[in-house]
Amino acid sequence: MRVLGISTIVIIGLAAMAAAAAAGCGSNESTCEELGSCPPATGQDASSEQDGAAGAEGGQDADGGIDGDASKTDADTGPDADGETGTDAEAEADAPEEPACDTSKSPSEQPCLIDDPYGVFVSPSGADSGSCGAKGAPCKTLGTAIGRAKAEGKRLYACGDGGTYAEQVTIDATLDGLKLYGGFKCSDWSYDAAAKAKVKPSAAGLALSVKGLTTGLLVEDFGFEAMDGANAGDSSIAAIVEGSAGVVLRRVTVQAGAGVKGADGTPGVKGADGDAAGAEQNGKPASCTNPPAAQLGGSWDNSSACGSLGGLGGTAAKNGNGGSGNPGTPDTHVSPPGVDNKGDGSATIGENASSGKAGSNADSGEVGTAASSAGGFSVAGYSPAGGGSGVDGYPGQGGGGGGASKAAATCIGASGGAGGMGGCGGTKGTGGGGGGASVALIAWQSAVTLDGCTLLSAKGGDGGNGAPGGDGGIGKPGGTGGTALGTMGTGGPGGQGGNGGPGGSGAGGTGGPSYALVYKGDAPVQGTNTLTPGQGGTKGTGAQVPMFAKAPDGSDGLSAGSHQQP
């Protein structure tokens, strides 16, 4: 039904009046009505007259305007069967239909989408069941609701002002293509940007994990928060997107907890002292009673567990010069090195043989190497940069064996005592562990779009301190020389064993980094976002055994809004 406007009515009315005036004033000829000679009216003319009358009375036809269709009659203006006028009935019939919900829009733009046909509903105060998810009977956990949304081909709607979702959200290839919407009041499911759905797992670990998507994922108006790391050197990473395409985060807050301080190193243990000399290590006395042809000096059956060995005592010969002792071992990694510390035998009657000389003290183990300036990221998270551990200390040199004395005729001189055992080296001190990282989001070889998001990282964990190496063991005295007889001198005693070297100390660990965003591959597409990093962790300190080398410190942790992993 065509509806003509008021302006049209006025124009037609004025035209009619003008025509009438022209007919009445501009001509002296009589009309057919005046003459009574008009022909009978046809149906069309009657209709025209009725419409004209209607126009004269109200200026409108049945649907409220002037209808140009001559076939229309004023019957349209009468009441219809249900009491409505023709004008009302036709107006209702011509009213535009309510537009359907545009499913390409967000519920923040199309409130009509916040209804059962379009979504599965979840609330912290809901209840999981085999039929949950309606607006009036929401599920309780995101895991349950996500599964139902995927199975039913719907969106997920999570209200956010009724508590937190204490769970980890995991989206893998079986859930590809989902759309997750937060930002609803739990009381009436109206959209409220401040009512973000808050996800905070009750245990350390990721709050959001996305992996292997090809269609993508849309997340709007959610908050994901990770707890602090749990154990030494642990990181807190709130979300990881790995090997996925089409991931869109809109108005999402992602917040990491703090990284944990790296473990301090373990101190080394003191090295074992050298074994004490006993009867077997002592030289034999000079003798003129049935003397043997040769009389061995004191000796050790085996080297110590760490490799130190006192030298053999010098051998006495019947009616001959006294033999020299043997040097102790080892003579490397000691200071001074390469020393021949044996005692010489005597070649003169009445002269005592020389004592073995002390073994050289051992070198300390090398200190640990400096930690890398930063750890490394992978799809598994962050590997902290710990300080290097030291090296075990070295064993002291065994004391030199004492010489033997010259024998008188028909007699045998005194033999020399064995050198004392050197002390073993102290064990190494280990390096301090690297501090854990604090990272809001890792995007790993993925196509990610961030729009209106807030990424927050906290403090990186401090580096652990290195630990000192253990002290070296003490070297022990050698065996005694054989006693003199008559004019024959004494055998020389064995020399003292050298001390073991202390273990090398451990280096300090590097502090953990704090990054709001870490990515490998293409950088995420970003709209207007806020990336706020925390402070990097403080470096760990390298340890030192007094009087020996100090191990290097670690490095302070780095801090940046975003970091590209090579």
Protein backbone atom coordinates (compact mmCIF):
# COMPACT_ATOMS: atom_id res chain seq x y z
CA MET A 1 0.00 0.00 0.00
CA ARG A 2 1.52 3.32 -1.03
CA VAL A 3 1.41 6.08 1.60
CA LEU A 4 1.50 9.65 0.40
CA GLY A 5 2.84 12.38 2.59
CA ILE A 6 1.05 15.42 3.95
CA SER A 7 2.81 17.68 1.46
CA THR A 8 1.21 15.70 -1.37
CA ILE A 9 -2.22 16.12 0.18
CA VAL A 10 -1.80 19.86 0.43
CA ILE A 11 -0.61 20.16 -3.13
CA ILE A 12 -3.52 18.15 -4.52
CA GLY A 13 -6.02 20.07 -2.39
CA LEU A 14 -4.68 23.39 -3.59
CA ALA A 15 -4.78 22.23 -7.17
CA ALA A 16 -8.39 21.20 -6.78
CA MET A 17 -9.28 24.54 -5.26
CA ALA A 18 -7.54 26.36 -8.05
CA ALA A 19 -9.41 24.33 -10.61
CA ALA A 20 -12.70 25.06 -8.91
CA ALA A 21 -11.95 28.73 -8.79
CA ALA A 22 -11.06 28.72 -12.42
CA ALA A 23 -14.27 26.92 -13.26
CA GLY A 24 -16.40 29.27 -11.18
CA CYS A 25 -14.74 32.56 -12.03
CA GLY A 26 -13.00 32.09 -15.29
CA SER A 27 -15.98 30.88 -17.45
CA ASN A 28 -19.56 31.91 -18.10
CA GLU A 29 -20.54 28.48 -19.32
CA SER A 30 -22.88 26.41 -17.11
CA THR A 31 -21.87 23.05 -15.83
CA CYS A 32 -23.68 19.83 -16.64
CA GLU A 33 -24.76 19.64 -13.01
CA GLU A 34 -26.37 23.03 -13.31
CA LEU A 35 -27.99 21.99 -16.50
CA GLY A 36 -28.95 18.55 -15.32
CA SER A 37 -27.38 17.02 -18.41
CA CYS A 38 -24.49 15.02 -16.96
CA PRO A 39 -24.24 11.38 -18.21
CA PRO A 40 -24.66 8.51 -15.66
CA ALA A 41 -21.57 7.90 -13.53
CA THR A 42 -19.48 4.77 -14.25
CA GLY A 43 -17.95 2.58 -11.44
CA GLN A 44 -14.62 4.23 -11.96
CA ASP A 45 -16.13 7.68 -11.71
CA ALA A 46 -18.01 6.70 -8.58
CA SER A 47 -14.87 5.51 -7.00
CA SER A 48 -13.13 8.70 -7.96
CA GLU A 49 -15.89 10.72 -6.45
CA GLN A 50 -15.74 8.73 -3.23
CA ASP A 51 -12.00 9.17 -3.01
CA GLY A 52 -12.44 12.82 -3.74
CA ALA A 53 -14.92 13.07 -0.95
CA ALA A 54 -12.56 11.34 1.37
CA GLY A 55 -9.84 13.72 0.33
CA ALA A 56 -12.09 16.65 0.96
CA GLU A 57 -12.96 15.38 4.40
CA GLY A 58 -9.59 14.26 5.69
CA GLY A 59 -7.06 14.42 2.90
CA GLN A 60 -6.08 10.72 3.48
CA ASP A 61 -7.04 7.31 2.21
CA ALA A 62 -7.41 4.18 4.30
CA ASP A 63 -3.65 3.76 4.97
CA GLY A 64 -3.17 7.36 6.03
CA GLY A 65 -2.21 8.98 2.72
CA ILE A 66 -3.48 9.80 -0.67
CA ASP A 67 -3.60 6.69 -2.83
CA GLY A 68 -3.14 7.28 -6.52
CA ASP A 69 -4.88 3.98 -7.35
CA ALA A 70 -8.34 4.89 -8.71
CA SER A 71 -9.65 1.42 -7.86
CA LYS A 72 -9.28 2.08 -4.13
CA THR A 73 -12.46 2.99 -2.28
CA ASP A 74 -13.20 4.26 1.12
CA ALA A 75 -14.15 0.73 2.10
CA ASP A 76 -10.47 0.46 3.13
CA THR A 77 -11.10 2.93 5.91
CA GLY A 78 -13.81 0.91 7.57
CA PRO A 79 -13.28 -1.48 10.45
CA ASP A 80 -12.08 -4.98 9.56
CA ALA A 81 -13.39 -8.23 10.95
CA ASP A 82 -11.32 -8.12 14.14
CA GLY A 83 -12.18 -4.54 14.92
CA GLU A 84 -9.07 -2.97 13.48
CA THR A 85 -9.45 -0.33 10.86
CA GLY A 86 -8.12 -1.01 7.42
CA THR A 87 -5.50 1.60 8.09
CA ASP A 88 -4.13 -0.31 11.15
CA ALA A 89 -4.22 -3.68 9.45
CA GLU A 90 -2.33 -2.52 6.42
CA ALA A 91 0.17 -0.57 8.54
CA GLU A 92 0.98 -3.73 10.51
CA ALA A 93 1.31 -5.76 7.35
CA ASP A 94 3.69 -3.22 5.88
CA ALA A 95 5.83 -2.80 9.06
CA PRO A 96 9.50 -3.96 8.59
CA GLU A 97 10.48 -7.27 10.20
CA GLU A 98 12.92 -7.32 13.13
CA PRO A 99 16.43 -7.92 11.72
CA ALA A 100 17.93 -11.34 12.49
CA CYS A 101 20.97 -11.53 14.81
CA ASP A 102 24.17 -10.94 12.88
CA THR A 103 26.35 -13.87 13.86
CA SER A 104 29.39 -12.19 12.39
CA LYS A 105 29.22 -9.72 15.25
CA SER A 106 30.31 -9.91 18.84
CA PRO A 107 27.65 -10.12 21.56
CA SER A 108 28.92 -6.76 22.75
CA GLU A 109 27.63 -5.41 19.42
CA GLN A 110 24.57 -7.66 19.04
CA PRO A 111 22.90 -8.33 22.42
CA CYS A 112 20.39 -10.63 20.72
CA LEU A 113 23.22 -13.14 20.35
CA ILE A 114 23.32 -13.63 24.13
CA ASP A 115 20.79 -16.42 23.99
CA ASP A 116 20.59 -20.20 24.04
CA PRO A 117 20.46 -20.74 20.27
CA TYR A 118 23.84 -19.09 19.90
CA GLY A 119 25.90 -20.00 22.93
CA VAL A 120 26.77 -22.30 25.78
CA PHE A 121 26.80 -20.43 29.09
CA VAL A 122 29.22 -20.94 31.97
CA SER A 123 29.37 -19.31 35.40
CA PRO A 124 31.54 -19.88 38.49
CA SER A 125 28.29 -20.51 40.37
CA GLY A 126 26.92 -22.91 37.76
CA ALA A 127 26.82 -26.69 37.88
CA ASP A 128 28.37 -29.17 35.46
CA SER A 129 26.03 -31.82 34.13
CA GLY A 130 25.22 -33.65 30.97
CA SER A 131 22.74 -30.95 30.01
CA CYS A 132 24.29 -27.78 31.41
CA GLY A 133 25.00 -24.71 29.32
CA ALA A 134 21.64 -22.99 28.94
CA LYS A 135 21.37 -19.37 29.96
CA GLY A 136 19.28 -20.36 32.95
CA ALA A 137 21.39 -23.40 33.82
CA PRO A 138 25.03 -22.58 33.06
CA CYS A 139 27.92 -25.00 33.40
CA LYS A 140 30.44 -24.42 36.16
CA THR A 141 33.78 -25.14 34.50
CA LEU A 142 35.19 -23.81 31.29
CA GLY A 143 36.45 -27.24 30.33
CA THR A 144 32.94 -28.69 30.35
CA ALA A 145 31.40 -25.69 28.61
CA ILE A 146 34.08 -25.59 25.92
CA GLY A 147 33.48 -29.22 25.08
CA ARG A 148 29.73 -28.65 24.80
CA ALA A 149 30.19 -25.51 22.71
CA LYS A 150 32.35 -27.40 20.23
CA ALA A 151 29.97 -30.35 20.07
CA GLU A 152 26.93 -28.10 19.51
CA GLY A 153 28.64 -25.67 17.12
CA LYS A 154 28.01 -22.72 19.42
CA ARG A 155 29.95 -19.97 21.06
CA LEU A 156 30.98 -19.95 24.70
CA TYR A 157 29.67 -17.21 26.99
CA ALA A 158 31.40 -16.84 30.38
CA CYS A 159 30.22 -14.39 33.02
CA GLY A 160 32.92 -12.68 34.98
CA ASP A 161 31.65 -10.97 38.12
CA GLY A 162 30.82 -14.09 40.10
CA GLY A 163 34.29 -15.41 40.88
CA THR A 164 37.22 -16.97 39.07
CA TYR A 165 37.63 -20.10 37.00
CA ALA A 166 40.33 -22.05 38.85
CA GLU A 167 41.41 -24.15 35.90
CA GLN A 168 43.74 -24.22 32.94
CA VAL A 169 42.18 -23.58 29.55
CA THR A 170 43.63 -25.86 26.88
CA ILE A 171 42.63 -25.45 23.23
CA ASP A 172 44.05 -28.03 20.82
CA ALA A 173 43.25 -29.11 17.27
CA THR A 174 40.10 -30.94 18.39
CA LEU A 175 38.67 -27.58 19.50
CA ASP A 176 39.69 -25.62 16.42
CA GLY A 177 37.46 -22.70 15.43
CA LEU A 178 35.97 -21.87 18.83
CA LYS A 179 34.87 -18.41 19.94
CA LEU A 180 35.08 -17.61 23.64
CA TYR A 181 33.35 -14.51 24.98
CA GLY A 182 33.59 -13.07 28.46
CA GLY A 183 32.34 -9.74 29.73
CA PHE A 184 28.90 -10.68 31.07
CA LYS A 185 27.24 -10.06 34.40
CA CYS A 186 26.34 -13.30 36.08
CA SER A 187 23.05 -11.88 37.35
CA ASP A 188 21.37 -11.14 34.02
CA TRP A 189 23.96 -11.96 31.31
CA SER A 190 24.07 -8.38 30.11
CA TYR A 191 27.34 -7.35 28.51
CA ASP A 192 29.73 -5.42 30.73
CA ALA A 193 33.29 -4.84 29.55
CA ALA A 194 34.45 -4.69 33.16
CA ALA A 195 33.14 -8.19 33.89
CA LYS A 196 35.98 -10.08 32.25
CA ALA A 197 35.89 -13.82 32.76
CA LYS A 198 38.85 -14.46 35.07
CA VAL A 199 40.89 -17.64 34.65
CA LYS A 200 43.41 -18.34 37.41
CA PRO A 201 44.52 -21.94 37.90
CA SER A 202 44.90 -23.05 41.49
CA ALA A 203 48.32 -24.55 40.78
CA ALA A 204 51.44 -23.21 39.13
CA GLY A 205 51.50 -23.54 35.36
CA LEU A 206 49.89 -22.08 32.27
CA ALA A 207 46.51 -20.40 32.43
CA LEU A 208 45.99 -20.70 28.65
CA SER A 209 47.51 -23.19 26.23
CA VAL A 210 46.74 -23.09 22.49
CA LYS A 211 48.32 -25.58 20.11
CA GLY A 212 47.96 -26.81 16.54
CA LEU A 213 45.03 -24.71 15.29
CA THR A 214 44.43 -24.15 11.58
CA THR A 215 41.04 -22.39 11.61
CA GLY A 216 41.79 -20.31 14.66
CA LEU A 217 40.44 -19.11 17.97
CA LEU A 218 38.72 -15.93 19.11
CA VAL A 219 38.90 -14.89 22.75
CA GLU A 220 37.21 -11.67 23.92
CA ASP A 221 36.94 -10.04 27.32
CA PHE A 222 38.84 -12.66 29.30
CA GLY A 223 41.58 -12.43 31.88
CA PHE A 224 44.25 -15.12 32.28
CA GLU A 225 46.50 -15.06 35.32
CA ALA A 226 49.26 -17.50 36.22
CA MET A 227 50.51 -18.11 39.72
CA ASP A 228 54.10 -17.56 40.78
CA GLY A 229 56.47 -20.36 39.95
CA ALA A 230 56.58 -23.13 42.53
CA ASN A 231 60.14 -24.45 42.80
CA ALA A 232 63.63 -22.99 42.57
CA GLY A 233 64.28 -21.61 39.09
CA ASP A 234 60.69 -22.11 37.94
CA SER A 235 59.15 -19.63 35.54
CA SER A 236 55.67 -18.18 35.54
CA ILE A 237 54.25 -18.10 32.01
CA ALA A 238 50.58 -17.23 31.70
CA ALA A 239 49.85 -18.26 28.10
CA ILE A 240 51.53 -20.07 25.21
CA VAL A 241 50.26 -20.18 21.62
CA GLU A 242 52.16 -22.79 19.62
CA GLY A 243 52.00 -23.64 15.92
CA SER A 244 48.61 -22.06 15.36
CA ALA A 245 46.93 -19.78 12.82
CA GLY A 246 44.11 -17.28 13.21
CA VAL A 247 44.36 -16.73 16.95
CA VAL A 248 42.72 -13.44 17.97
CA LEU A 249 42.80 -12.05 21.50
CA ARG A 250 40.58 -9.00 21.95
CA ARG A 251 40.35 -7.01 25.15
CA VAL A 252 42.15 -9.80 26.95
CA THR A 253 44.36 -9.36 30.00
CA VAL A 254 47.23 -11.83 30.38
CA GLN A 255 49.22 -11.64 33.60
CA ALA A 256 52.19 -13.72 34.70
CA GLY A 257 53.33 -14.34 38.24
CA ALA A 258 56.88 -13.98 39.47
CA GLY A 259 59.74 -16.22 38.49
CA VAL A 260 61.45 -18.08 41.33
CA LYS A 261 64.99 -17.51 42.54
CA GLY A 262 67.47 -20.03 41.24
CA ALA A 263 68.80 -22.57 43.69
CA ASP A 264 72.00 -21.68 45.45
CA GLY A 265 74.93 -23.93 44.69
CA THR A 266 75.99 -26.80 46.92
CA PRO A 267 79.28 -26.31 48.75
CA GLY A 268 82.06 -28.75 48.14
CA VAL A 269 83.20 -31.27 50.71
CA LYS A 270 86.62 -31.23 52.36
CA GLY A 271 89.04 -33.67 50.81
CA ALA A 272 90.25 -36.68 52.76
CA ASP A 273 93.44 -36.29 54.74
CA GLY A 274 96.36 -38.45 53.79
CA ASP A 275 96.64 -41.83 55.49
CA ALA A 276 98.82 -41.93 58.58
CA ALA A 277 102.08 -43.83 58.26
CA GLY A 278 102.41 -47.11 60.15
CA ALA A 279 105.02 -49.78 60.75
CA GLU A 280 105.13 -50.78 57.09
CA GLN A 281 106.10 -47.28 56.15
CA ASN A 282 108.99 -47.08 58.61
CA GLY A 283 112.59 -47.83 57.65
CA LYS A 284 114.41 -50.87 59.07
CA PRO A 285 117.25 -50.50 61.58
CA ALA A 286 120.89 -51.05 60.77
CA SER A 287 122.10 -54.52 61.77
CA CYS A 288 125.22 -56.65 61.98
CA THR A 289 123.46 -59.86 63.00
CA ASN A 290 122.94 -62.12 60.05
CA PRO A 291 122.31 -59.14 57.81
CA PRO A 292 120.46 -59.69 54.53
CA ALA A 293 121.97 -58.60 51.28
CA ALA A 294 119.44 -55.78 50.99
CA GLN A 295 116.99 -54.15 53.33
CA LEU A 296 114.00 -52.37 51.76
CA GLY A 297 112.77 -49.04 52.95
CA GLY A 298 109.24 -48.28 54.10
CA SER A 299 106.51 -48.42 51.45
CA TRP A 300 102.81 -48.12 50.70
CA ASP A 301 100.85 -50.91 49.08
CA ASN A 302 98.74 -48.60 46.94
CA SER A 303 98.12 -45.03 46.07
CA SER A 304 95.39 -43.25 47.99
CA ALA A 305 91.87 -43.08 46.58
CA CYS A 306 92.66 -39.72 45.03
CA GLY A 307 96.01 -40.76 43.57
CA SER A 308 98.56 -39.44 46.03
CA LEU A 309 101.47 -41.71 46.99
CA GLY A 310 104.44 -41.23 49.28
CA GLY A 311 107.78 -42.22 47.82
CA LEU A 312 109.53 -45.47 48.78
CA GLY A 313 112.18 -45.28 51.45
CA GLY A 314 115.75 -45.87 50.30
CA THR A 315 117.10 -49.45 50.33
CA ALA A 316 120.11 -50.32 52.47
CA ALA A 317 122.76 -52.67 51.05
CA LYS A 318 125.08 -55.01 52.97
CA ASN A 319 128.53 -53.53 53.15
CA GLY A 320 127.42 -50.82 50.68
CA ASN A 321 126.27 -47.27 50.24
CA GLY A 322 122.76 -46.35 51.25
CA GLY A 323 120.21 -46.01 48.46
CA SER A 324 118.11 -42.90 47.85
CA GLY A 325 114.36 -42.81 48.36
CA ASN A 326 111.79 -42.26 45.60
CA PRO A 327 109.94 -39.00 44.98
CA GLY A 328 106.28 -38.78 45.92
CA THR A 329 103.55 -38.47 43.30
CA PRO A 330 101.83 -36.76 41.60
CA ASP A 331 104.03 -33.88 40.60
CA THR A 332 101.48 -32.14 38.33
CA HIS A 333 98.66 -29.77 39.38
CA VAL A 334 100.77 -29.00 42.41
CA SER A 335 102.74 -25.97 43.31
CA PRO A 336 105.57 -26.04 42.65
CA PRO A 337 105.26 -28.78 40.07
CA GLY A 338 107.85 -31.35 39.02
CA VAL A 339 109.76 -31.40 42.29
CA ASP A 340 112.01 -34.42 42.93
CA ASN A 341 111.56 -34.62 46.68
CA LYS A 342 113.40 -37.86 47.46
CA GLY A 343 115.96 -38.16 50.24
CA ASP A 344 119.51 -39.17 49.26
CA GLY A 345 121.31 -42.16 50.75
CA SER A 346 124.60 -41.75 52.58
CA ALA A 347 127.95 -42.88 51.20
CA THR A 348 129.97 -42.29 54.37
CA ILE A 349 130.10 -44.42 57.50
CA GLY A 350 128.54 -42.54 60.36
CA GLU A 351 126.59 -40.17 58.10
CA ASN A 352 122.85 -40.12 58.47
CA ALA A 353 120.87 -40.47 55.28
CA SER A 354 118.85 -37.51 54.01
CA SER A 355 115.20 -37.09 54.87
CA GLY A 356 112.61 -37.11 52.14
CA LYS A 357 111.28 -33.66 51.35
CA ALA A 358 107.69 -32.56 51.72
CA GLY A 359 105.35 -32.98 48.81
CA SER A 360 104.05 -29.90 47.03
CA ASN A 361 100.60 -28.68 47.94
CA ALA A 362 97.99 -29.25 45.28
CA ASP A 363 96.35 -26.66 43.12
CA SER A 364 92.75 -25.76 43.69
CA GLY A 365 90.16 -26.86 41.19
CA GLU A 366 89.17 -24.36 38.51
CA VAL A 367 86.25 -22.09 39.33
CA GLY A 368 83.00 -22.39 37.43
CA THR A 369 82.47 -20.57 34.17
CA ALA A 370 80.29 -17.52 34.04
CA ALA A 371 76.60 -18.04 33.33
CA SER A 372 75.19 -16.97 29.99
CA SER A 373 73.77 -13.48 29.99
CA ALA A 374 70.33 -14.96 29.33
CA GLY A 375 68.58 -18.29 29.27
CA GLY A 376 66.63 -19.60 26.29
CA PHE A 377 62.98 -19.99 25.32
CA SER A 378 61.37 -22.92 23.58
CA VAL A 379 57.86 -24.28 23.14
CA ALA A 380 58.36 -25.91 26.53
CA GLY A 381 58.96 -22.56 28.22
CA TYR A 382 62.17 -21.07 29.58
CA SER A 383 65.50 -22.68 30.43
CA PRO A 384 67.33 -20.61 33.06
CA ALA A 385 70.99 -19.68 32.76
CA GLY A 386 72.83 -21.20 35.68
CA GLY A 387 76.39 -20.51 36.74
CA GLY A 388 79.06 -23.09 36.06
CA SER A 389 80.22 -25.45 38.77
CA GLY A 390 83.82 -25.58 39.84
CA VAL A 391 86.23 -28.48 39.39
CA ASP A 392 87.30 -30.81 42.18
CA GLY A 393 90.58 -29.91 43.85
CA TYR A 394 93.71 -31.89 43.06
CA PRO A 395 95.59 -34.27 45.40
CA GLY A 396 98.73 -33.17 47.16
CA GLN A 397 102.05 -34.68 46.19
CA GLY A 398 103.24 -37.53 48.40
CA GLY A 399 106.30 -36.88 50.51
CA GLY A 400 109.63 -38.12 49.23
CA GLY A 401 111.06 -41.36 50.61
CA GLY A 402 114.01 -41.02 53.01
CA GLY A 403 117.47 -42.30 52.03
CA ALA A 404 119.28 -45.30 53.54
CA SER A 405 122.57 -45.11 55.50
CA LYS A 406 125.94 -46.61 54.46
CA ALA A 407 126.66 -50.02 55.94
CA ALA A 408 129.80 -51.03 57.84
CA ALA A 409 131.67 -54.15 56.84
CA THR A 410 129.64 -57.32 57.39
CA CYS A 411 126.69 -55.14 58.40
CA ILE A 412 123.69 -53.52 56.71
CA GLY A 413 122.73 -49.91 57.06
CA ALA A 414 119.36 -48.46 58.09
CA SER A 415 116.72 -48.10 55.35
CA GLY A 416 114.68 -44.98 54.70
CA GLY A 417 111.10 -44.27 55.69
CA ALA A 418 108.33 -43.93 53.08
CA GLY A 419 107.07 -40.51 52.17
CA GLY A 420 103.83 -39.35 53.74
CA MET A 421 100.58 -39.46 51.81
CA GLY A 422 99.27 -36.21 50.34
CA GLY A 423 95.79 -34.95 51.12
CA CYS A 424 92.97 -35.32 48.61
CA GLY A 425 91.42 -32.36 46.89
CA GLY A 426 88.17 -30.85 48.09
CA THR A 427 85.14 -31.41 45.92
CA LYS A 428 83.78 -28.67 43.70
CA GLY A 429 81.24 -26.08 44.65
CA THR A 430 78.32 -26.02 42.25
CA GLY A 431 77.05 -22.98 40.44
CA GLY A 432 73.94 -21.06 41.33
CA GLY A 433 70.86 -21.81 39.29
CA GLY A 434 69.38 -19.24 36.96
CA GLY A 435 66.26 -17.40 38.02
CA GLY A 436 62.93 -18.26 36.45
CA ALA A 437 61.33 -15.99 33.88
CA SER A 438 58.10 -14.06 34.14
CA VAL A 439 56.30 -13.94 30.78
CA ALA A 440 52.70 -13.05 30.04
CA LEU A 441 52.43 -14.53 26.53
CA ILE A 442 54.65 -16.68 24.31
CA ALA A 443 53.63 -16.79 20.63
CA TRP A 444 55.66 -19.57 19.02
CA GLN A 445 55.56 -19.89 15.23
CA SER A 446 51.95 -18.71 15.25
CA ALA A 447 49.71 -16.10 13.62
CA VAL A 448 48.38 -14.10 16.56
CA THR A 449 46.43 -10.84 16.61
CA LEU A 450 46.32 -8.74 19.76
CA ASP A 451 43.65 -6.04 19.92
CA GLY A 452 43.11 -3.92 23.00
CA CYS A 453 44.99 -6.39 25.17
CA THR A 454 46.99 -5.88 28.35
CA LEU A 455 50.05 -8.08 28.89
CA LEU A 456 51.71 -7.91 32.30
CA SER A 457 54.78 -9.72 33.55
CA ALA A 458 56.12 -9.67 37.10
CA LYS A 459 59.66 -9.85 38.50
CA GLY A 460 62.06 -12.42 37.16
CA GLY A 461 63.61 -14.76 39.69
CA ASP A 462 66.98 -13.81 41.14
CA GLY A 463 69.98 -15.85 40.16
CA GLY A 464 71.20 -18.37 42.71
CA ASN A 465 74.54 -17.84 44.40
CA GLY A 466 77.45 -20.09 43.61
CA ALA A 467 78.90 -22.21 46.40
CA PRO A 468 82.54 -22.52 47.49
CA GLY A 469 84.55 -25.62 46.91
CA GLY A 470 85.56 -27.87 49.78
CA ASP A 471 88.91 -27.47 51.47
CA GLY A 472 91.72 -29.79 50.55
CA GLY A 473 92.75 -32.66 52.80
CA ILE A 474 95.87 -32.44 54.94
CA GLY A 475 99.02 -34.28 53.95
CA LYS A 476 100.53 -36.55 56.61
CA PRO A 477 104.10 -37.18 57.83
CA GLY A 478 106.11 -39.99 56.31
CA GLY A 479 107.49 -43.07 58.00
CA THR A 480 110.49 -42.90 60.28
CA GLY A 481 113.97 -43.83 59.07
CA GLY A 482 115.70 -46.95 60.36
CA THR A 483 117.74 -46.53 63.51
CA ALA A 484 121.54 -46.39 63.57
CA LEU A 485 123.91 -49.04 64.93
CA GLY A 486 127.45 -48.45 66.04
CA THR A 487 129.15 -46.25 63.54
CA MET A 488 126.36 -46.54 60.97
CA GLY A 489 124.02 -43.60 60.53
CA THR A 490 120.22 -43.50 60.54
CA GLY A 491 117.97 -43.91 57.60
CA GLY A 492 116.19 -40.76 56.50
CA PRO A 493 112.49 -40.28 57.43
CA GLY A 494 109.93 -39.84 54.67
CA GLY A 495 108.80 -36.35 53.80
CA GLN A 496 105.42 -34.89 54.72
CA GLY A 497 102.70 -35.31 52.12
CA GLY A 498 101.41 -32.18 50.44
CA ASN A 499 97.94 -30.81 51.16
CA GLY A 500 95.13 -31.37 48.72
CA GLY A 501 93.79 -28.40 46.81
CA PRO A 502 90.37 -26.95 47.54
CA GLY A 503 87.59 -27.53 45.09
CA GLY A 504 86.82 -24.79 42.61
CA SER A 505 83.92 -22.53 43.54
CA GLY A 506 80.68 -22.21 41.61
CA ALA A 507 79.65 -19.17 39.60
CA GLY A 508 76.50 -17.18 40.25
CA GLY A 509 73.36 -17.74 38.19
CA THR A 510 71.78 -15.19 35.88
CA GLY A 511 68.61 -13.46 36.96
CA GLY A 512 65.43 -14.46 35.16
CA PRO A 513 64.02 -12.11 32.50
CA SER A 514 60.69 -10.35 32.61
CA TYR A 515 58.93 -9.98 29.25
CA ALA A 516 55.32 -9.11 28.55
CA LEU A 517 55.53 -10.83 25.15
CA VAL A 518 57.96 -13.38 23.70
CA TYR A 519 57.62 -14.57 20.12
CA LYS A 520 59.44 -16.73 17.61
CA GLY A 521 58.67 -16.32 13.94
CA ASP A 522 56.34 -13.55 12.83
CA ALA A 523 55.55 -10.91 15.40
CA PRO A 524 51.92 -10.79 16.50
CA VAL A 525 49.71 -8.26 14.74
CA GLN A 526 48.99 -5.59 17.28
CA GLY A 527 46.29 -3.00 17.66
CA THR A 528 46.34 -0.71 20.68
CA ASN A 529 47.80 -2.84 23.45
CA THR A 530 49.56 -2.31 26.75
CA LEU A 531 52.73 -4.34 27.31
CA THR A 532 54.16 -3.86 30.79
CA PRO A 533 57.19 -5.88 31.89
CA GLY A 534 58.40 -6.32 35.43
CA GLN A 535 61.96 -6.13 36.70
CA GLY A 536 64.55 -8.67 35.72
CA GLY A 537 65.98 -10.85 38.47
CA THR A 538 69.15 -9.88 40.30
CA LYS A 539 72.35 -11.72 39.42
CA GLY A 540 73.70 -14.45 41.64
CA THR A 541 77.11 -14.07 43.28
CA GLY A 542 80.09 -16.25 42.50
CA ALA A 543 81.70 -17.97 45.47
CA GLN A 544 85.27 -18.00 46.73
CA VAL A 545 87.43 -20.16 48.95
CA PRO A 546 89.60 -17.77 51.00
CA MET A 547 93.01 -17.22 49.46
CA PHE A 548 91.92 -18.81 46.19
CA ALA A 549 90.23 -17.59 43.01
CA LYS A 550 86.71 -16.16 43.09
CA ALA A 551 84.11 -17.53 40.70
CA PRO A 552 82.34 -15.01 38.43
CA ASP A 553 78.97 -13.51 39.22
CA GLY A 554 75.96 -14.09 37.01
CA SER A 555 74.19 -11.38 35.01
CA ASP A 556 71.12 -9.39 35.92
CA GLY A 557 67.95 -10.53 34.21
CA LEU A 558 66.66 -8.62 31.20
CA SER A 559 63.38 -6.75 30.99
CA ALA A 560 61.39 -5.60 27.94
CA GLY A 561 57.88 -5.26 26.63
CA SER A 562 58.57 -7.78 23.88
CA HIS A 563 61.40 -10.12 23.00
CA GLN A 564 62.03 -12.02 19.78
CA GLN A 565 63.62 -15.41 20.30
CA PRO A 566 66.21 -16.05 17.56
